[in-house]
Amino acid sequence: MTHTPTPWSLDVDSDGEYTIRGANRDWVANDTPYYPTAPNEDDAAFIVKACNSHDRLVEALWLVRMSAGWDYLAGETQEMISVALEGL
């Protein structure tokens, strides 16, 4: 199974109800209550932003990891990047 294609959007109707939709306009989530609770609109907007940024951030981390300047980064920075990439 693959995730809904990005970019995602947050649609808010005149009643203030919202729906997160994929690039293909498929429903991803909305504010209909579900266990334990539906995300609020700010959280929904953050979800959209995070999902839409993910691929470019991963690409940027790989570029840093593969760059000639990798050896000049602080060890802590190298560790953070490596851990983030290993988790994918």
Protein backbone atom coordinates (compact mmCIF):
# COMPACT_ATOMS: atom_id res chain seq x y z
CA MET A 1 0.00 0.00 0.00
CA THR A 2 1.21 3.52 -0.74
CA HIS A 3 0.23 6.76 0.95
CA THR A 4 -2.07 9.28 -0.68
CA PRO A 5 -0.05 11.36 -3.16
CA THR A 6 1.27 14.76 -2.10
CA PRO A 7 0.94 17.67 -2.03
CA TRP A 8 -1.86 17.48 0.50
CA SER A 9 -4.23 20.37 1.11
CA LEU A 10 -6.43 21.49 3.96
CA ASP A 11 -9.95 22.40 2.85
CA VAL A 12 -12.05 24.37 5.32
CA ASP A 13 -15.73 24.87 4.52
CA SER A 14 -17.99 27.76 5.52
CA ASP A 15 -18.99 25.92 8.71
CA GLY A 16 -15.35 25.69 9.82
CA GLU A 17 -15.21 21.93 9.20
CA TYR A 18 -12.07 20.74 7.49
CA THR A 19 -10.82 17.88 5.36
CA ILE A 20 -7.25 16.94 4.47
CA ARG A 21 -7.11 15.84 0.83
CA GLY A 22 -4.38 14.35 -1.31
CA ALA A 23 -3.19 15.66 -4.67
CA ASN A 24 -5.75 13.38 -6.29
CA ARG A 25 -8.44 15.00 -4.05
CA ASP A 26 -8.89 11.72 -2.13
CA TRP A 27 -9.94 12.09 1.52
CA VAL A 28 -7.10 11.60 4.02
CA ALA A 29 -8.67 12.82 7.28
CA ASN A 30 -11.21 15.29 8.58
CA ASP A 31 -12.55 16.69 11.81
CA THR A 32 -15.20 14.02 12.25
CA PRO A 33 -14.74 12.75 15.81
CA TYR A 34 -12.97 9.43 16.06
CA TYR A 35 -11.08 7.72 18.86
CA PRO A 36 -9.67 9.31 20.83
CA THR A 37 -10.47 12.58 19.08
CA ALA A 38 -10.15 14.25 15.71
CA PRO A 39 -7.10 16.48 15.22
CA ASN A 40 -7.85 20.17 15.56
CA GLU A 41 -7.46 22.45 12.54
CA ASP A 42 -3.99 23.67 13.57
CA ASP A 43 -2.80 20.07 13.94
CA ALA A 44 -4.36 19.18 10.59
CA ALA A 45 -2.48 22.07 8.96
CA PHE A 46 0.75 20.87 10.60
CA ILE A 47 0.14 17.33 9.29
CA VAL A 48 -0.30 18.72 5.77
CA LYS A 49 2.87 20.83 6.03
CA ALA A 50 4.93 17.93 7.40
CA CYS A 51 3.74 15.49 4.76
CA ASN A 52 4.33 17.94 1.94
CA SER A 53 7.86 18.71 3.22
CA HIS A 54 8.92 15.11 3.84
CA ASP A 55 10.30 14.09 0.44
CA ARG A 56 12.33 17.29 -0.01
CA LEU A 57 13.73 17.07 3.51
CA VAL A 58 14.82 13.48 2.97
CA GLU A 59 16.43 14.48 -0.33
CA ALA A 60 18.25 17.35 1.39
CA LEU A 61 19.53 15.05 4.15
CA TRP A 62 20.85 12.57 1.57
CA LEU A 63 22.60 15.40 -0.29
CA VAL A 64 24.28 16.53 2.93
CA ARG A 65 25.18 12.93 3.80
CA MET A 66 26.76 12.34 0.40
CA SER A 67 28.51 15.73 0.15
CA ALA A 68 32.23 16.29 0.41
CA GLY A 69 31.56 18.47 3.44
CA TRP A 70 30.15 15.57 5.51
CA ASP A 71 33.45 15.03 7.31
CA TYR A 72 33.46 18.67 8.45
CA LEU A 73 30.12 18.44 10.24
CA ALA A 74 30.08 18.03 14.00
CA GLY A 75 29.71 14.43 15.13
CA GLU A 76 26.38 15.23 16.78
CA THR A 77 25.04 16.60 13.50
CA GLN A 78 26.26 13.55 11.60
CA GLU A 79 24.55 11.31 14.15
CA MET A 80 21.24 13.19 13.90
CA ILE A 81 21.22 12.96 10.11
CA SER A 82 22.22 9.30 10.11
CA VAL A 83 19.54 8.35 12.64
CA ALA A 84 16.89 10.26 10.69
CA LEU A 85 17.82 8.50 7.45
CA GLU A 86 18.01 5.06 9.08
CA GLY A 87 14.44 5.50 10.33
CA LEU A 88 13.01 5.68 6.80
